[in-house]
Amino acid sequence: MIKSCVTIALVPEIKSGPWIYWHDLERSLAHASSLGFDAVELFTASAEVLDVSETQLLLEKYKLQLAAVGTGAGKVIHGLTLTDPDAAIRKKAMEFIKSMIKLGAAFGAPAIIGSMQGNVVAGVEREEAMHWLADGLSYLGNHASSLGVKLIYEPLNRYETNLINTLGDGVQFLKSRQIQHVGLLADLFHMNIEEADMAASIKAAGDLVIHVHFADSNRRPVGNGHSDFREVAQVLKQINYTGFVSAEAFAWPNSEAAATQTIQSFNQYFNQ
């Protein structure tokens, strides 16, 4: 069964980003639970800001799972990426992601690498940057596996990275570099920009798709843009996807309304 999920960001520095909830953790969990969400996806400034035991108690109280943890604060706050020309910064990026993998693994949840993948920057050959990315994902995937979880890699649109922009390129990259224990995130906002056919791309990627981000064409909650996700929903069911469909969207017009719109759209596409 495909499960519903909603994002909670606890990082003031990224407050303008595409996250449904900005409130304190318990208030956000309580509202998500009241709407019937299955899980939440958390974005924190670091692994140390959450007390695992307290968070587990809150999740149990509101009958929610932790679907995944984001690593974007590593870039936003600390300027760390896996493809920085400075080897010392790449090493710090790996350590930050390892700490987030450990945090997620305490809940049986994977970590997501999106913006921390970085870019091919001036003065660096593309193949060299791709080599750094492959080495990083391979090492971190193996580390995640040792803790009982997978690692999620997210292709981003061309305005956010010049590394990998489509699911097909992501599949080719993981397979050609023989990267293990890493799956792909199908972000429907990024795919709306980059893919000729979102449903066909998801079908071709198959079981490498292990997480989905749910947002409309304008990155508002689904139902507030012009995308039609009926074929995407059908394909996810066809490939027997049983993971989370997580709302990484702007809190428009506010968190409560955005969450309500999201669960209504999720039910429209996945529970009918």
C-alpha atoms as a PDB file:
ATOM      1  CA  MET A   1       0.000   0.000   0.000  1.00  0.00           C
ATOM      2  CA  ILE A   2       1.241   3.468  -0.901  1.00  0.00           C
ATOM      3  CA  LYS A   3       1.532   5.648   2.202  1.00  0.00           C
ATOM      4  CA  SER A   4       0.917   9.367   2.721  1.00  0.00           C
ATOM      5  CA  CYS A   5       3.576  11.626   4.172  1.00  0.00           C
ATOM      6  CA  VAL A   6       4.092  15.312   4.890  1.00  0.00           C
ATOM      7  CA  THR A   7       7.237  17.383   5.424  1.00  0.00           C
ATOM      8  CA  ILE A   8       8.264  19.161   8.620  1.00  0.00           C
ATOM      9  CA  ALA A   9      11.226  21.568   8.568  1.00  0.00           C
ATOM     10  CA  LEU A  10      12.858  22.511  11.853  1.00  0.00           C
ATOM     11  CA  VAL A  11      15.521  24.725  10.278  1.00  0.00           C
ATOM     12  CA  PRO A  12      14.823  28.477  10.463  1.00  0.00           C
ATOM     13  CA  GLU A  13      17.418  29.213   7.766  1.00  0.00           C
ATOM     14  CA  ILE A  14      15.329  27.381   5.135  1.00  0.00           C
ATOM     15  CA  LYS A  15      11.950  28.677   6.233  1.00  0.00           C
ATOM     16  CA  SER A  16      11.086  29.898   2.728  1.00  0.00           C
ATOM     17  CA  GLY A  17      11.528  26.427   1.256  1.00  0.00           C
ATOM     18  CA  PRO A  18       8.974  23.831   0.150  1.00  0.00           C
ATOM     19  CA  TRP A  19       7.932  22.421   3.490  1.00  0.00           C
ATOM     20  CA  ILE A  20       4.352  22.015   4.677  1.00  0.00           C
ATOM     21  CA  TYR A  21       4.953  22.516   8.407  1.00  0.00           C
ATOM     22  CA  TRP A  22       7.097  25.095  10.209  1.00  0.00           C
ATOM     23  CA  HIS A  23       5.685  24.792  13.684  1.00  0.00           C
ATOM     24  CA  ASP A  24       7.208  23.044  16.629  1.00  0.00           C
ATOM     25  CA  LEU A  25       7.489  19.315  16.130  1.00  0.00           C
ATOM     26  CA  GLU A  26       4.645  18.163  18.366  1.00  0.00           C
ATOM     27  CA  ARG A  27       2.168  20.671  17.004  1.00  0.00           C
ATOM     28  CA  SER A  28       3.021  19.588  13.467  1.00  0.00           C
ATOM     29  CA  LEU A  29       2.729  15.902  14.313  1.00  0.00           C
ATOM     30  CA  ALA A  30      -0.619  16.458  16.005  1.00  0.00           C
ATOM     31  CA  HIS A  31      -2.066  18.237  12.964  1.00  0.00           C
ATOM     32  CA  ALA A  32      -0.689  15.683  10.494  1.00  0.00           C
ATOM     33  CA  SER A  33      -2.130  12.863  12.573  1.00  0.00           C
ATOM     34  CA  SER A  34      -5.536  14.546  12.791  1.00  0.00           C
ATOM     35  CA  LEU A  35      -5.702  14.609   8.980  1.00  0.00           C
ATOM     36  CA  GLY A  36      -4.825  10.929   8.662  1.00  0.00           C
ATOM     37  CA  PHE A  37      -1.270  11.075   7.324  1.00  0.00           C
ATOM     38  CA  ASP A  38       0.757   7.889   7.695  1.00  0.00           C
ATOM     39  CA  ALA A  39       4.155   9.500   8.179  1.00  0.00           C
ATOM     40  CA  VAL A  40       6.311  12.610   8.300  1.00  0.00           C
ATOM     41  CA  GLU A  41       9.582  13.545   6.639  1.00  0.00           C
ATOM     42  CA  LEU A  42      11.902  15.636   8.822  1.00  0.00           C
ATOM     43  CA  PHE A  43      14.431  18.309   7.940  1.00  0.00           C
ATOM     44  CA  THR A  44      16.684  19.305  10.828  1.00  0.00           C
ATOM     45  CA  ALA A  45      19.764  21.492  11.201  1.00  0.00           C
ATOM     46  CA  SER A  46      21.801  18.508  12.345  1.00  0.00           C
ATOM     47  CA  ALA A  47      21.401  15.025  13.758  1.00  0.00           C
ATOM     48  CA  GLU A  48      22.035  16.324  17.267  1.00  0.00           C
ATOM     49  CA  VAL A  49      18.961  18.565  17.509  1.00  0.00           C
ATOM     50  CA  LEU A  50      16.562  15.650  17.912  1.00  0.00           C
ATOM     51  CA  ASP A  51      16.378  13.419  20.942  1.00  0.00           C
ATOM     52  CA  VAL A  52      15.682   9.980  19.490  1.00  0.00           C
ATOM     53  CA  SER A  53      13.760   8.628  22.466  1.00  0.00           C
ATOM     54  CA  GLU A  54      11.579  11.722  22.820  1.00  0.00           C
ATOM     55  CA  THR A  55      10.894  11.821  19.090  1.00  0.00           C
ATOM     56  CA  GLN A  56       9.984   8.137  19.053  1.00  0.00           C
ATOM     57  CA  LEU A  57       7.503   8.715  21.867  1.00  0.00           C
ATOM     58  CA  LEU A  58       5.922  11.576  19.942  1.00  0.00           C
ATOM     59  CA  LEU A  59       5.647   9.493  16.780  1.00  0.00           C
ATOM     60  CA  GLU A  60       4.005   6.701  18.749  1.00  0.00           C
ATOM     61  CA  LYS A  61       1.663   9.154  20.479  1.00  0.00           C
ATOM     62  CA  TYR A  62       0.388  10.438  17.146  1.00  0.00           C
ATOM     63  CA  LYS A  63       0.579   7.075  15.359  1.00  0.00           C
ATOM     64  CA  LEU A  64       2.984   8.305  12.695  1.00  0.00           C
ATOM     65  CA  GLN A  65       6.072   6.810  11.067  1.00  0.00           C
ATOM     66  CA  LEU A  66       9.249   8.646  10.160  1.00  0.00           C
ATOM     67  CA  ALA A  67       9.516   8.203   6.400  1.00  0.00           C
ATOM     68  CA  ALA A  68      12.876   9.886   5.788  1.00  0.00           C
ATOM     69  CA  VAL A  69      15.266  12.580   6.955  1.00  0.00           C
ATOM     70  CA  GLY A  70      16.628  15.335   4.737  1.00  0.00           C
ATOM     71  CA  THR A  71      20.264  16.413   4.619  1.00  0.00           C
ATOM     72  CA  GLY A  72      19.820  19.795   2.902  1.00  0.00           C
ATOM     73  CA  ALA A  73      20.882  21.772   5.956  1.00  0.00           C
ATOM     74  CA  GLY A  74      24.404  20.495   5.334  1.00  0.00           C
ATOM     75  CA  LYS A  75      24.572  22.718   2.262  1.00  0.00           C
ATOM     76  CA  VAL A  76      22.297  25.569   3.353  1.00  0.00           C
ATOM     77  CA  ILE A  77      23.893  26.122   6.761  1.00  0.00           C
ATOM     78  CA  HIS A  78      27.393  24.697   6.374  1.00  0.00           C
ATOM     79  CA  GLY A  79      28.061  24.961   2.624  1.00  0.00           C
ATOM     80  CA  LEU A  80      28.906  21.279   2.299  1.00  0.00           C
ATOM     81  CA  THR A  81      28.527  19.200  -0.869  1.00  0.00           C
ATOM     82  CA  LEU A  82      29.819  15.881  -2.174  1.00  0.00           C
ATOM     83  CA  THR A  83      31.311  17.529  -5.271  1.00  0.00           C
ATOM     84  CA  ASP A  84      33.162  20.474  -3.746  1.00  0.00           C
ATOM     85  CA  PRO A  85      36.654  20.864  -5.263  1.00  0.00           C
ATOM     86  CA  ASP A  86      38.091  20.967  -1.734  1.00  0.00           C
ATOM     87  CA  ALA A  87      38.633  17.432  -0.460  1.00  0.00           C
ATOM     88  CA  ALA A  88      38.352  18.615   3.146  1.00  0.00           C
ATOM     89  CA  ILE A  89      34.865  19.991   2.471  1.00  0.00           C
ATOM     90  CA  ARG A  90      33.843  16.783   0.709  1.00  0.00           C
ATOM     91  CA  LYS A  91      34.988  14.861   3.774  1.00  0.00           C
ATOM     92  CA  LYS A  92      32.947  17.110   6.071  1.00  0.00           C
ATOM     93  CA  ALA A  93      29.934  16.593   3.783  1.00  0.00           C
ATOM     94  CA  MET A  94      30.326  12.826   4.120  1.00  0.00           C
ATOM     95  CA  GLU A  95      30.507  13.073   7.900  1.00  0.00           C
ATOM     96  CA  PHE A  96      27.403  15.268   8.044  1.00  0.00           C
ATOM     97  CA  ILE A  97      25.440  12.848   5.862  1.00  0.00           C
ATOM     98  CA  LYS A  98      26.677   9.888   7.906  1.00  0.00           C
ATOM     99  CA  SER A  99      25.304  11.530  11.035  1.00  0.00           C
ATOM    100  CA  MET A 100      21.925  12.033   9.353  1.00  0.00           C
ATOM    101  CA  ILE A 101      21.917   8.428   8.139  1.00  0.00           C
ATOM    102  CA  LYS A 102      22.504   7.326  11.733  1.00  0.00           C
ATOM    103  CA  LEU A 103      19.649   9.525  12.940  1.00  0.00           C
ATOM    104  CA  GLY A 104      17.223   8.155  10.370  1.00  0.00           C
ATOM    105  CA  ALA A 105      18.334   4.573  10.942  1.00  0.00           C
ATOM    106  CA  ALA A 106      17.330   4.861  14.608  1.00  0.00           C
ATOM    107  CA  PHE A 107      13.761   5.017  13.255  1.00  0.00           C
ATOM    108  CA  GLY A 108      14.285   2.636  10.336  1.00  0.00           C
ATOM    109  CA  ALA A 109      14.163   5.625   7.971  1.00  0.00           C
ATOM    110  CA  PRO A 110      16.508   6.490   5.083  1.00  0.00           C
ATOM    111  CA  ALA A 111      18.317   9.782   4.538  1.00  0.00           C
ATOM    112  CA  ILE A 112      17.879  11.847   1.366  1.00  0.00           C
ATOM    113  CA  ILE A 113      20.722  13.419  -0.608  1.00  0.00           C
ATOM    114  CA  GLY A 114      19.376  16.275  -2.709  1.00  0.00           C
ATOM    115  CA  SER A 115      21.092  19.652  -2.614  1.00  0.00           C
ATOM    116  CA  MET A 116      24.169  18.188  -0.892  1.00  0.00           C
ATOM    117  CA  GLN A 117      25.127  16.515  -4.155  1.00  0.00           C
ATOM    118  CA  GLY A 118      26.351  19.936  -5.325  1.00  0.00           C
ATOM    119  CA  ASN A 119      27.328  20.968  -8.865  1.00  0.00           C
ATOM    120  CA  VAL A 120      30.089  20.775 -11.425  1.00  0.00           C
ATOM    121  CA  VAL A 121      31.755  24.106 -10.700  1.00  0.00           C
ATOM    122  CA  ALA A 122      34.137  26.202 -12.798  1.00  0.00           C
ATOM    123  CA  GLY A 123      37.601  24.716 -13.029  1.00  0.00           C
ATOM    124  CA  VAL A 124      36.426  21.126 -12.429  1.00  0.00           C
ATOM    125  CA  GLU A 125      36.009  18.562 -15.199  1.00  0.00           C
ATOM    126  CA  ARG A 126      32.559  17.004 -15.265  1.00  0.00           C
ATOM    127  CA  GLU A 127      33.904  13.456 -15.038  1.00  0.00           C
ATOM    128  CA  GLU A 128      35.908  14.354 -11.967  1.00  0.00           C
ATOM    129  CA  ALA A 129      32.810  15.740 -10.231  1.00  0.00           C
ATOM    130  CA  MET A 130      30.799  12.664 -11.226  1.00  0.00           C
ATOM    131  CA  HIS A 131      33.579  10.496  -9.815  1.00  0.00           C
ATOM    132  CA  TRP A 132      33.385  12.345  -6.490  1.00  0.00           C
ATOM    133  CA  LEU A 133      29.607  11.938  -6.471  1.00  0.00           C
ATOM    134  CA  ALA A 134      29.835   8.231  -7.263  1.00  0.00           C
ATOM    135  CA  ASP A 135      32.447   7.643  -4.573  1.00  0.00           C
ATOM    136  CA  GLY A 136      30.362   9.509  -2.038  1.00  0.00           C
ATOM    137  CA  LEU A 137      27.116   7.714  -2.835  1.00  0.00           C
ATOM    138  CA  SER A 138      28.833   4.326  -2.920  1.00  0.00           C
ATOM    139  CA  TYR A 139      30.455   4.820   0.473  1.00  0.00           C
ATOM    140  CA  LEU A 140      27.338   6.310   2.048  1.00  0.00           C
ATOM    141  CA  GLY A 141      25.094   3.635   0.550  1.00  0.00           C
ATOM    142  CA  ASN A 142      27.229   0.930   2.087  1.00  0.00           C
ATOM    143  CA  HIS A 143      27.236   2.789   5.390  1.00  0.00           C
ATOM    144  CA  ALA A 144      23.451   3.080   5.326  1.00  0.00           C
ATOM    145  CA  SER A 145      23.123  -0.617   4.569  1.00  0.00           C
ATOM    146  CA  SER A 146      25.301  -1.460   7.567  1.00  0.00           C
ATOM    147  CA  LEU A 147      22.706   0.357   9.699  1.00  0.00           C
ATOM    148  CA  GLY A 148      19.788  -1.466   8.098  1.00  0.00           C
ATOM    149  CA  VAL A 149      18.490   1.254   5.762  1.00  0.00           C
ATOM    150  CA  LYS A 150      18.943   2.450   2.196  1.00  0.00           C
ATOM    151  CA  LEU A 151      20.135   5.823   0.971  1.00  0.00           C
ATOM    152  CA  ILE A 152      17.937   8.012  -1.245  1.00  0.00           C
ATOM    153  CA  TYR A 153      19.447  10.031  -4.099  1.00  0.00           C
ATOM    154  CA  GLU A 154      17.357  12.807  -5.640  1.00  0.00           C
ATOM    155  CA  PRO A 155      17.779  14.069  -9.213  1.00  0.00           C
ATOM    156  CA  LEU A 156      17.071  17.820  -9.191  1.00  0.00           C
ATOM    157  CA  ASN A 157      16.019  20.183 -11.963  1.00  0.00           C
ATOM    158  CA  ARG A 158      18.557  22.053 -14.072  1.00  0.00           C
ATOM    159  CA  TYR A 159      18.187  25.249 -12.052  1.00  0.00           C
ATOM    160  CA  GLU A 160      19.412  23.493  -8.895  1.00  0.00           C
ATOM    161  CA  THR A 161      22.125  21.158 -10.162  1.00  0.00           C
ATOM    162  CA  ASN A 162      24.025  20.385 -13.358  1.00  0.00           C
ATOM    163  CA  LEU A 163      24.823  16.829 -12.276  1.00  0.00           C
ATOM    164  CA  ILE A 164      21.781  14.567 -12.787  1.00  0.00           C
ATOM    165  CA  ASN A 165      18.381  15.973 -13.704  1.00  0.00           C
ATOM    166  CA  THR A 166      16.198  13.021 -14.727  1.00  0.00           C
ATOM    167  CA  LEU A 167      15.284   9.647 -13.292  1.00  0.00           C
ATOM    168  CA  GLY A 168      16.674   7.942 -16.375  1.00  0.00           C
ATOM    169  CA  ASP A 169      20.050   9.587 -15.895  1.00  0.00           C
ATOM    170  CA  GLY A 170      19.895   8.611 -12.228  1.00  0.00           C
ATOM    171  CA  VAL A 171      19.247   4.975 -13.113  1.00  0.00           C
ATOM    172  CA  GLN A 172      22.097   4.947 -15.621  1.00  0.00           C
ATOM    173  CA  PHE A 173      24.457   6.570 -13.139  1.00  0.00           C
ATOM    174  CA  LEU A 174      23.729   4.146 -10.295  1.00  0.00           C
ATOM    175  CA  LYS A 175      23.916   1.098 -12.555  1.00  0.00           C
ATOM    176  CA  SER A 176      26.981   2.086 -14.579  1.00  0.00           C
ATOM    177  CA  ARG A 177      28.923   2.965 -11.428  1.00  0.00           C
ATOM    178  CA  GLN A 178      27.655  -0.175  -9.649  1.00  0.00           C
ATOM    179  CA  ILE A 179      26.438   1.849  -6.678  1.00  0.00           C
ATOM    180  CA  GLN A 180      24.701  -0.381  -4.168  1.00  0.00           C
ATOM    181  CA  HIS A 181      22.040   0.269  -1.488  1.00  0.00           C
ATOM    182  CA  VAL A 182      20.992   3.575  -3.073  1.00  0.00           C
ATOM    183  CA  GLY A 183      17.552   4.223  -4.523  1.00  0.00           C
ATOM    184  CA  LEU A 184      16.044   7.175  -6.349  1.00  0.00           C
ATOM    185  CA  LEU A 185      13.641   9.875  -5.280  1.00  0.00           C
ATOM    186  CA  ALA A 186      11.006  10.756  -7.875  1.00  0.00           C
ATOM    187  CA  ASP A 187      10.253  14.409  -7.106  1.00  0.00           C
ATOM    188  CA  LEU A 188       7.195  15.342  -9.148  1.00  0.00           C
ATOM    189  CA  PHE A 189       8.039  19.056  -9.093  1.00  0.00           C
ATOM    190  CA  HIS A 190      11.520  18.516 -10.535  1.00  0.00           C
ATOM    191  CA  MET A 191      10.161  15.918 -12.947  1.00  0.00           C
ATOM    192  CA  ASN A 192       7.514  18.360 -14.202  1.00  0.00           C
ATOM    193  CA  ILE A 193      10.423  20.527 -15.392  1.00  0.00           C
ATOM    194  CA  GLU A 194      12.764  17.854 -16.730  1.00  0.00           C
ATOM    195  CA  GLU A 195      10.789  14.811 -17.876  1.00  0.00           C
ATOM    196  CA  ALA A 196       8.958  14.415 -21.185  1.00  0.00           C
ATOM    197  CA  ASP A 197       6.658  11.844 -19.554  1.00  0.00           C
ATOM    198  CA  MET A 198       6.734  11.535 -15.763  1.00  0.00           C
ATOM    199  CA  ALA A 199       4.790   8.277 -15.633  1.00  0.00           C
ATOM    200  CA  ALA A 200       6.961   6.622 -18.289  1.00  0.00           C
ATOM    201  CA  SER A 201      10.128   7.663 -16.483  1.00  0.00           C
ATOM    202  CA  ILE A 202       8.890   6.204 -13.203  1.00  0.00           C
ATOM    203  CA  LYS A 203       7.882   2.979 -14.935  1.00  0.00           C
ATOM    204  CA  ALA A 204      11.311   2.672 -16.555  1.00  0.00           C
ATOM    205  CA  ALA A 205      13.073   3.262 -13.234  1.00  0.00           C
ATOM    206  CA  GLY A 206      10.939   0.576 -11.589  1.00  0.00           C
ATOM    207  CA  ASP A 207      12.053  -0.623  -8.188  1.00  0.00           C
ATOM    208  CA  LEU A 208      14.902   1.894  -8.067  1.00  0.00           C
ATOM    209  CA  VAL A 209      12.230   4.442  -7.112  1.00  0.00           C
ATOM    210  CA  ILE A 210      12.063   4.231  -3.310  1.00  0.00           C
ATOM    211  CA  HIS A 211      10.611   7.632  -2.382  1.00  0.00           C
ATOM    212  CA  VAL A 212       8.285  10.149  -4.030  1.00  0.00           C
ATOM    213  CA  HIS A 213       7.908  13.896  -3.447  1.00  0.00           C
ATOM    214  CA  PHE A 214       4.385  15.168  -4.073  1.00  0.00           C
ATOM    215  CA  ALA A 215       4.032  18.761  -5.281  1.00  0.00           C
ATOM    216  CA  ASP A 216       2.250  20.512  -8.119  1.00  0.00           C
ATOM    217  CA  SER A 217       3.753  22.318 -11.118  1.00  0.00           C
ATOM    218  CA  ASN A 218       4.222  25.532  -9.116  1.00  0.00           C
ATOM    219  CA  ARG A 219       5.462  23.650  -6.047  1.00  0.00           C
ATOM    220  CA  ARG A 220       2.274  24.430  -4.186  1.00  0.00           C
ATOM    221  CA  PRO A 221       0.310  21.515  -2.684  1.00  0.00           C
ATOM    222  CA  VAL A 222      -1.088  19.169  -5.332  1.00  0.00           C
ATOM    223  CA  GLY A 223      -4.336  20.591  -6.664  1.00  0.00           C
ATOM    224  CA  ASN A 224      -3.069  24.169  -6.769  1.00  0.00           C
ATOM    225  CA  GLY A 225      -1.178  23.897 -10.061  1.00  0.00           C
ATOM    226  CA  HIS A 226      -1.711  22.457 -13.530  1.00  0.00           C
ATOM    227  CA  SER A 227      -0.224  18.948 -13.188  1.00  0.00           C
ATOM    228  CA  ASP A 228      -2.432  15.882 -13.522  1.00  0.00           C
ATOM    229  CA  PHE A 229      -0.975  12.953 -11.602  1.00  0.00           C
ATOM    230  CA  ARG A 230      -3.462  10.251 -12.590  1.00  0.00           C
ATOM    231  CA  GLU A 231      -0.995   8.415 -14.839  1.00  0.00           C
ATOM    232  CA  VAL A 232       1.776   8.771 -12.261  1.00  0.00           C
ATOM    233  CA  ALA A 233      -0.464   7.229  -9.598  1.00  0.00           C
ATOM    234  CA  GLN A 234      -1.424   4.396 -11.931  1.00  0.00           C
ATOM    235  CA  VAL A 235       2.205   3.628 -12.751  1.00  0.00           C
ATOM    236  CA  LEU A 236       3.269   3.654  -9.097  1.00  0.00           C
ATOM    237  CA  LYS A 237       0.587   1.059  -8.441  1.00  0.00           C
ATOM    238  CA  GLN A 238       1.675  -0.960 -11.501  1.00  0.00           C
ATOM    239  CA  ILE A 239       5.291  -1.158 -10.331  1.00  0.00           C
ATOM    240  CA  ASN A 240       4.047  -2.231  -6.873  1.00  0.00           C
ATOM    241  CA  TYR A 241       5.461   0.843  -5.179  1.00  0.00           C
ATOM    242  CA  THR A 242       4.765   0.567  -1.457  1.00  0.00           C
ATOM    243  CA  GLY A 243       6.759   3.526  -0.184  1.00  0.00           C
ATOM    244  CA  PHE A 244       5.781   7.032   0.825  1.00  0.00           C
ATOM    245  CA  VAL A 245       4.333   9.842  -1.250  1.00  0.00           C
ATOM    246  CA  SER A 246       5.596  12.857   0.670  1.00  0.00           C
ATOM    247  CA  ALA A 247       4.390  16.441   0.287  1.00  0.00           C
ATOM    248  CA  GLU A 248       7.474  18.570  -0.290  1.00  0.00           C
ATOM    249  CA  ALA A 249       5.535  21.688  -1.215  1.00  0.00           C
ATOM    250  CA  PHE A 250       5.138  25.292  -0.139  1.00  0.00           C
ATOM    251  CA  ALA A 251       2.910  25.917   2.850  1.00  0.00           C
ATOM    252  CA  TRP A 252       0.413  27.775   0.674  1.00  0.00           C
ATOM    253  CA  PRO A 253      -1.664  29.589   1.738  1.00  0.00           C
ATOM    254  CA  ASN A 254      -0.643  28.299   5.191  1.00  0.00           C
ATOM    255  CA  SER A 255       0.516  25.062   6.762  1.00  0.00           C
ATOM    256  CA  GLU A 256      -2.880  23.817   7.864  1.00  0.00           C
ATOM    257  CA  ALA A 257      -4.561  24.486   4.522  1.00  0.00           C
ATOM    258  CA  ALA A 258      -1.590  23.040   2.612  1.00  0.00           C
ATOM    259  CA  ALA A 259      -1.675  19.834   4.650  1.00  0.00           C
ATOM    260  CA  THR A 260      -5.441  19.515   4.188  1.00  0.00           C
ATOM    261  CA  GLN A 261      -5.156  20.045   0.429  1.00  0.00           C
ATOM    262  CA  THR A 262      -2.360  17.485   0.264  1.00  0.00           C
ATOM    263  CA  ILE A 263      -4.218  14.680   2.027  1.00  0.00           C
ATOM    264  CA  GLN A 264      -7.288  15.325  -0.117  1.00  0.00           C
ATOM    265  CA  SER A 265      -5.171  15.089  -3.262  1.00  0.00           C
ATOM    266  CA  PHE A 266      -3.378  11.980  -1.985  1.00  0.00           C
ATOM    267  CA  ASN A 267      -6.723  10.276  -1.366  1.00  0.00           C
ATOM    268  CA  GLN A 268      -7.977  11.377  -4.789  1.00  0.00           C
ATOM    269  CA  TYR A 269      -5.032   9.814  -6.618  1.00  0.00           C
ATOM    270  CA  PHE A 270      -4.083   6.861  -4.440  1.00  0.00           C
ATOM    271  CA  ASN A 271      -7.151   5.776  -2.489  1.00  0.00           C
ATOM    272  CA  GLN A 272      -9.750   5.588  -5.251  1.00  0.00           C
END
